[in-house]
Amino acid sequence: MSLLDTNMERVSSVRGLVGSRANQVLVTRDAVEQSKFDSTKLKSFIEDTDFVEAASELAMLQSAYQATLKSSAAIIQPSLLDFI
C-alpha cells in the first residue's frame, strides 16, 4: 500500500470522527435549547401563579376528596354478613 493510500485512509477515518463529534455537539446543543425552553416555561408558570387562587383551589379539592372518601366509606361499609 502506498503512502498516499495510507494517508487517505487516515483522512477518511478522521473525517468520520469529526462527523461523529459534530453530531454529538448538535444533539447536545438541541438538548440544551430544549432544557432552556422548558425552564423558561416552568419559570413563567410559577411566576404567573396566583397563590391565593391556587390555595383556594387546593382547599376546595381537598374538601371534595374528603367528601368522596366519607361517602365511599359509607357505601362500602362491610357488614357481618360479608364475613360469613
Protein backbone atom coordinates (compact mmCIF):
# COMPACT_ATOMS: atom_id res chain seq x y z
CA MET A 1 0.00 0.00 0.00
CA SER A 2 1.37 3.37 -0.89
CA LEU A 3 1.88 6.28 1.44
CA LEU A 4 -0.88 8.15 -0.37
CA ASP A 5 -3.37 5.33 0.29
CA THR A 6 -2.40 5.20 3.95
CA ASN A 7 -2.84 8.93 4.34
CA MET A 8 -6.17 8.85 2.50
CA GLU A 9 -7.40 6.19 4.94
CA ARG A 10 -6.28 8.33 7.87
CA VAL A 11 -8.05 11.37 6.45
CA SER A 12 -11.19 9.32 5.92
CA SER A 13 -11.00 7.97 9.46
CA VAL A 14 -10.50 11.43 10.95
CA ARG A 15 -13.39 12.80 8.87
CA GLY A 16 -15.60 10.09 10.34
CA LEU A 17 -14.54 11.01 13.86
CA VAL A 18 -15.11 14.71 13.19
CA GLY A 19 -18.56 13.97 11.77
CA SER A 20 -19.44 11.87 14.80
CA ARG A 21 -18.30 14.59 17.19
CA ALA A 22 -20.19 17.22 15.20
CA ASN A 23 -23.37 15.16 15.53
CA GLN A 24 -22.80 14.86 19.29
CA VAL A 25 -22.39 18.63 19.53
CA LEU A 26 -25.62 19.20 17.60
CA VAL A 27 -27.56 16.76 19.77
CA THR A 28 -26.17 18.36 22.92
CA ARG A 29 -26.99 21.84 21.63
CA ASP A 30 -30.58 20.79 20.88
CA ALA A 31 -30.92 19.26 24.36
CA VAL A 32 -29.63 22.46 25.97
CA GLU A 33 -32.04 24.58 23.92
CA GLN A 34 -34.96 22.33 24.90
CA SER A 35 -33.90 22.50 28.54
CA LYS A 36 -33.72 26.30 28.40
CA PHE A 37 -37.20 26.41 26.83
CA ASP A 38 -38.62 24.06 29.47
CA SER A 39 -37.02 26.09 32.27
CA THR A 40 -38.42 29.35 30.90
CA LYS A 41 -41.86 27.79 30.55
CA LEU A 42 -41.77 26.44 34.12
CA LYS A 43 -40.48 29.75 35.49
CA SER A 44 -43.30 31.58 33.73
CA PHE A 45 -45.87 29.14 35.11
CA ILE A 46 -44.54 29.58 38.65
CA GLU A 47 -44.31 33.36 38.45
CA ASP A 48 -47.75 33.72 36.87
CA THR A 49 -49.48 31.58 39.50
CA ASP A 50 -51.98 33.44 41.65
CA PHE A 51 -51.14 31.92 45.02
CA VAL A 52 -54.40 32.99 46.67
CA GLU A 53 -56.37 31.35 43.87
CA ALA A 54 -54.15 28.25 43.98
CA ALA A 55 -54.58 27.91 47.76
CA SER A 56 -58.34 28.33 47.40
CA GLU A 57 -58.49 25.68 44.68
CA LEU A 58 -56.35 23.32 46.78
CA ALA A 59 -58.69 23.73 49.77
CA MET A 60 -61.72 23.08 47.54
CA LEU A 61 -60.13 19.96 46.05
CA GLN A 62 -59.16 18.67 49.49
CA SER A 63 -62.74 19.15 50.70
CA ALA A 64 -64.09 17.30 47.66
CA TYR A 65 -61.58 14.49 48.26
CA GLN A 66 -62.58 14.17 51.92
CA ALA A 67 -66.27 14.14 50.97
CA THR A 68 -65.60 11.41 48.41
CA LEU A 69 -63.76 9.32 50.99
CA LYS A 70 -66.59 9.68 53.51
CA SER A 71 -69.30 8.80 51.02
CA SER A 72 -67.29 5.83 49.72
CA ALA A 73 -66.75 4.57 53.25
CA ALA A 74 -70.48 4.87 53.96
CA ILE A 75 -71.41 2.99 50.79
CA ILE A 76 -68.85 0.21 51.23
CA GLN A 77 -69.37 -0.49 54.93
CA PRO A 78 -68.71 -4.17 55.47
CA SER A 79 -71.34 -5.97 57.44
CA LEU A 80 -71.16 -9.17 59.44
CA LEU A 81 -72.85 -10.99 56.53
CA ASP A 82 -69.89 -10.11 54.30
CA PHE A 83 -67.62 -12.18 56.51
CA ILE A 84 -69.90 -15.21 56.74
